[in-house]
Protein backbone atom coordinates (compact mmCIF):
# COMPACT_ATOMS: atom_id res chain seq x y z
CA UNK A 1 12.21 -12.35 0.47
CA UNK A 2 8.43 -12.06 0.86
CA UNK A 3 7.47 -8.77 2.48
CA UNK A 4 4.14 -7.25 3.53
CA UNK A 5 3.99 -3.47 3.98
CA UNK A 6 1.68 -2.15 6.68
CA UNK A 7 0.86 1.41 7.67
CA UNK A 8 -2.01 3.86 7.80
CA UNK A 9 -3.18 5.60 4.60
CA UNK A 10 -0.71 8.40 3.93
CA UNK A 11 2.10 6.81 5.96
CA UNK A 12 4.20 6.38 2.82
CA UNK A 13 4.22 2.58 2.66
CA UNK A 14 3.60 2.55 -1.12
CA UNK A 15 6.67 4.72 -1.75
CA UNK A 16 8.79 2.51 0.52
CA UNK A 17 7.44 -0.66 -1.12
CA UNK A 18 8.57 0.64 -4.52
CA UNK A 19 12.01 1.60 -3.18
CA UNK A 20 12.46 -1.90 -1.66
CA UNK A 21 11.33 -3.51 -4.93
CA UNK A 22 13.81 -1.40 -6.91
CA UNK A 23 16.73 -2.13 -4.57
CA UNK A 24 16.19 -5.90 -4.33
CA UNK A 25 14.91 -6.40 -7.91
CA UNK A 26 11.63 -7.98 -6.82
CA UNK A 27 8.10 -6.99 -7.91
CA UNK A 28 6.06 -4.38 -5.99
CA UNK A 29 2.60 -5.92 -5.95
CA UNK A 30 -0.44 -3.77 -5.25
CA UNK A 31 -3.80 -5.56 -5.25
CA UNK A 32 -5.41 -2.65 -7.10
CA UNK A 33 -2.85 -3.02 -9.91
CA UNK A 34 -3.40 -6.79 -10.13
CA UNK A 35 -7.18 -6.39 -10.32
CA UNK A 36 -6.83 -3.80 -13.10
CA UNK A 37 -4.35 -5.98 -15.05
CA UNK A 38 -6.60 -9.06 -14.81
CA UNK A 39 -9.67 -7.10 -15.89
CA UNK A 40 -7.79 -5.45 -18.76
CA UNK A 41 -6.48 -8.83 -19.94
CA UNK A 42 -9.95 -10.39 -19.61
CA UNK A 43 -8.76 -13.29 -17.40
CA UNK A 44 -11.34 -15.56 -15.79
CA UNK A 45 -10.37 -14.32 -12.31
CA UNK A 46 -10.46 -10.71 -13.53
CA UNK A 47 -13.98 -11.09 -14.95
CA UNK A 48 -15.14 -12.65 -11.69
CA UNK A 49 -13.65 -9.74 -9.69
CA UNK A 50 -15.22 -7.22 -12.11
CA UNK A 51 -18.71 -8.53 -11.28
CA UNK A 52 -18.25 -7.42 -7.66
CA UNK A 53 -16.45 -4.18 -8.49
CA UNK A 54 -19.16 -3.10 -10.97
CA UNK A 55 -21.71 -3.37 -8.16
CA UNK A 56 -19.51 -1.33 -5.82
CA UNK A 57 -18.89 -4.42 -3.66
CA UNK A 58 -15.62 -5.57 -2.14
CA UNK A 59 -14.01 -8.51 -3.91
CA UNK A 60 -14.31 -11.54 -1.54
CA UNK A 61 -11.12 -12.54 0.30
CA UNK A 62 -10.88 -15.98 -1.34
CA UNK A 63 -11.04 -14.47 -4.84
CA UNK A 64 -8.56 -11.72 -3.95
CA UNK A 65 -6.10 -14.32 -2.63
CA UNK A 66 -6.58 -16.46 -5.77
CA UNK A 67 -5.70 -13.47 -7.97
CA UNK A 68 -2.75 -12.65 -5.69
CA UNK A 69 -1.43 -16.24 -5.73
CA UNK A 70 -1.76 -16.33 -9.51
CA UNK A 71 0.43 -13.19 -9.59
CA UNK A 72 3.10 -14.43 -7.15
CA UNK A 73 3.38 -17.72 -9.05
CA UNK A 74 4.87 -15.81 -11.99
CA UNK A 75 8.58 -16.20 -12.78
CA UNK A 76 9.50 -12.65 -11.68
CA UNK A 77 8.42 -13.49 -8.10
CA UNK A 78 10.80 -16.43 -7.66
CA UNK A 79 13.15 -14.34 -5.47
CA UNK A 80 10.31 -12.70 -3.54
CA UNK A 81 7.95 -9.71 -3.71
CA UNK A 82 6.64 -6.75 -1.75
CA UNK A 83 2.89 -6.76 -1.04
CA UNK A 84 1.27 -3.34 -0.70
CA UNK A 85 -2.39 -2.99 0.30
CA UNK A 86 -2.98 -6.66 1.13
CA UNK A 87 -3.83 -8.18 3.52
CA UNK A 88 -6.08 -5.50 5.05
CA UNK A 89 -7.83 -7.68 7.64
CA UNK A 90 -7.06 -10.70 9.85
CA UNK A 91 -9.33 -13.03 7.78
CA UNK A 92 -7.42 -12.00 4.62
CA UNK A 93 -4.10 -12.67 6.37
CA UNK A 94 -5.31 -16.10 7.48
CA UNK A 95 -6.46 -17.04 3.96
CA UNK A 96 -3.13 -15.83 2.54
CA UNK A 97 -1.10 -17.74 5.16
CA UNK A 98 -3.01 -20.96 4.53
CA UNK A 99 -2.61 -20.65 0.74
CA UNK A 100 1.13 -19.93 1.02
CA UNK A 101 1.62 -22.80 3.50
CA UNK A 102 0.05 -25.20 0.97
CA UNK A 103 2.88 -24.19 -1.38
CA UNK A 104 5.51 -24.57 1.35
CA UNK A 105 5.95 -20.80 1.59
CA UNK A 106 5.43 -18.08 4.20
CA UNK A 107 5.84 -14.33 4.70
CA UNK A 108 9.38 -13.38 5.79
CA UNK A 109 8.76 -9.82 7.01
CA UNK A 110 5.79 -7.60 7.83
CA UNK A 111 7.03 -3.98 8.01
CA UNK A 112 4.88 -1.32 9.68
CA UNK A 113 5.60 2.28 8.63
CA UNK A 114 4.40 3.86 11.87
CA UNK A 115 3.10 7.46 11.71
CA UNK A 116 0.82 9.08 14.34
CA UNK A 117 -2.65 10.10 13.13
CA UNK A 118 -2.06 13.83 13.65
CA UNK A 119 1.01 13.70 11.37
CA UNK A 120 -0.99 11.92 8.69
CA UNK A 121 -3.84 14.45 8.81
CA UNK A 122 -1.33 17.29 8.50
CA UNK A 123 0.58 15.50 5.74
CA UNK A 124 -2.50 14.71 3.64
CA UNK A 125 -4.44 17.95 4.16
CA UNK A 126 -1.33 19.81 2.92
CA UNK A 127 -1.41 18.01 -0.44
CA UNK A 128 -2.53 19.87 -3.54
CA UNK A 129 -3.18 18.23 -6.89
CA UNK A 130 -3.44 19.44 -10.46
CA UNK A 131 -6.48 17.78 -12.02
CA UNK A 132 -5.22 18.80 -15.46
CA UNK A 133 -1.77 17.14 -15.62
CA UNK A 134 -1.75 14.99 -12.45
CA UNK A 135 1.17 16.77 -10.72
CA UNK A 136 1.07 16.82 -6.91
CA UNK A 137 2.51 19.31 -4.44
CA UNK A 138 2.59 19.82 -0.68
CA UNK A 139 2.15 23.22 0.95
CA UNK A 140 4.96 22.51 3.40
CA UNK A 141 7.30 19.99 1.76
CA UNK A 142 6.97 20.56 -2.01
CA UNK A 143 5.21 23.92 -2.45
CA UNK A 144 4.38 25.22 -5.92
CA UNK A 145 6.39 28.24 -7.09
CA UNK A 146 3.17 30.27 -7.28
CA UNK A 147 0.51 29.64 -4.64
CA UNK A 148 -2.41 27.58 -5.96
CA UNK A 149 -0.90 27.23 -9.46
CA UNK A 150 0.67 24.10 -10.99
CA UNK A 151 4.38 24.54 -11.86
CA UNK A 152 4.05 22.09 -14.72
CA UNK A 153 1.00 23.31 -16.67
CA UNK A 154 -0.14 26.53 -15.00
CA UNK A 155 -3.61 25.25 -14.07
CA UNK A 156 -5.27 25.59 -10.65
CA UNK A 157 -4.26 23.26 -7.77
CA UNK A 158 -6.98 21.73 -5.61
CA UNK A 159 -7.36 19.86 -2.32
CA UNK A 160 -8.82 16.51 -3.39
CA UNK A 161 -11.78 15.11 -1.47
CA UNK A 162 -9.59 12.13 -0.50
CA UNK A 163 -7.18 14.48 1.27
CA UNK A 164 -9.76 16.52 3.20
CA UNK A 165 -9.44 16.20 6.97
CA UNK A 166 -12.83 14.52 7.54
CA UNK A 167 -12.13 11.95 4.78
CA UNK A 168 -8.64 11.24 6.15
CA UNK A 169 -10.03 10.77 9.69
CA UNK A 170 -12.66 8.32 8.35
CA UNK A 171 -9.97 6.35 6.48
CA UNK A 172 -7.82 6.27 9.63
CA UNK A 173 -10.76 4.92 11.66
CA UNK A 174 -11.25 2.09 9.14
CA UNK A 175 -7.51 1.40 9.27
CA UNK A 176 -7.45 1.21 13.10
CA UNK A 177 -10.55 -1.00 13.20
CA UNK A 178 -9.63 -3.41 10.40
CA UNK A 179 -5.93 -3.32 9.53
CA UNK A 180 -4.06 -2.37 12.70
CA UNK A 181 -4.88 -5.76 14.35
CA UNK A 182 -2.56 -7.29 11.71
CA UNK A 183 0.39 -5.84 13.64
CA UNK A 184 -0.33 -8.20 16.56
CA UNK A 185 -1.13 -11.05 14.14
CA UNK A 186 2.34 -10.81 12.54
CA UNK A 187 4.03 -10.19 15.91
CA UNK A 188 2.64 -13.54 17.03
CA UNK A 189 4.28 -15.12 13.97
CA UNK A 190 7.62 -13.46 14.80
CA UNK A 191 7.93 -11.55 11.49
CA UNK A 192 6.72 -8.07 12.55
CA UNK A 193 9.08 -5.08 12.35
CA UNK A 194 8.24 -1.36 12.78
CA UNK A 195 10.01 1.75 11.52
CA UNK A 196 9.44 5.40 12.44
CA UNK A 197 7.56 6.80 9.45
CA UNK A 198 7.83 10.42 10.63
CA UNK A 199 11.46 10.58 9.49
CA UNK A 200 12.58 11.54 5.98
CA UNK A 201 11.82 9.14 3.13
CA UNK A 202 15.49 8.14 2.92
CA UNK A 203 15.83 7.60 6.69
CA UNK A 204 12.74 5.38 6.70
CA UNK A 205 14.15 3.40 3.77
CA UNK A 206 17.56 3.03 5.47
CA UNK A 207 15.81 1.69 8.61
CA UNK A 208 13.90 -0.87 6.50
CA UNK A 209 17.08 -1.98 4.69
CA UNK A 210 18.82 -2.41 8.07
CA UNK A 211 15.99 -4.78 9.12
CA UNK A 212 16.08 -6.78 5.87
CA UNK A 213 19.87 -7.14 5.96
CA UNK A 214 20.28 -8.10 9.63
């Protein structure tokens, strides 16, 4: 079961990817995590990726796919995996498809966690983070007991730059320009499925499970 998770930043696809991985006992693979692991372990691919990252450049698609294929060739991926954060563009999807096809493999499902932009802006601008202990809260859904104060360590809660409305809107624009076209790409391959990401975390997960177990 090879699954790609799609969805705008803040749609909750990372949480759902982890829940799917836990339920079906397959790895949750995030490209960021793989890059960090390869760099930490000093692998040849990791060192090559680090050269780009140190200059603030994007790692080229071919190298990213090489690192990804190296990861999915591991024994724990024999029953499948959930990809989170890759591919982000059509060219990346094409490189990935070609590389998988050479191994006689293909993606089984692309799942889009669909959330309207206005919901995402509201969801993310309501987040508050404790820079001291890393705890996160939400003004509406998980409010702290005392306004502006972390329940866990008593330090001040802040709105991170990443969660500010103008930053979120910029990230959404990049998503619509670069990543949203993947929905049509995977529809054309007959593997695209969408779920309503505005529902509760459990309802979204139940809808995904229903798709995977049809």
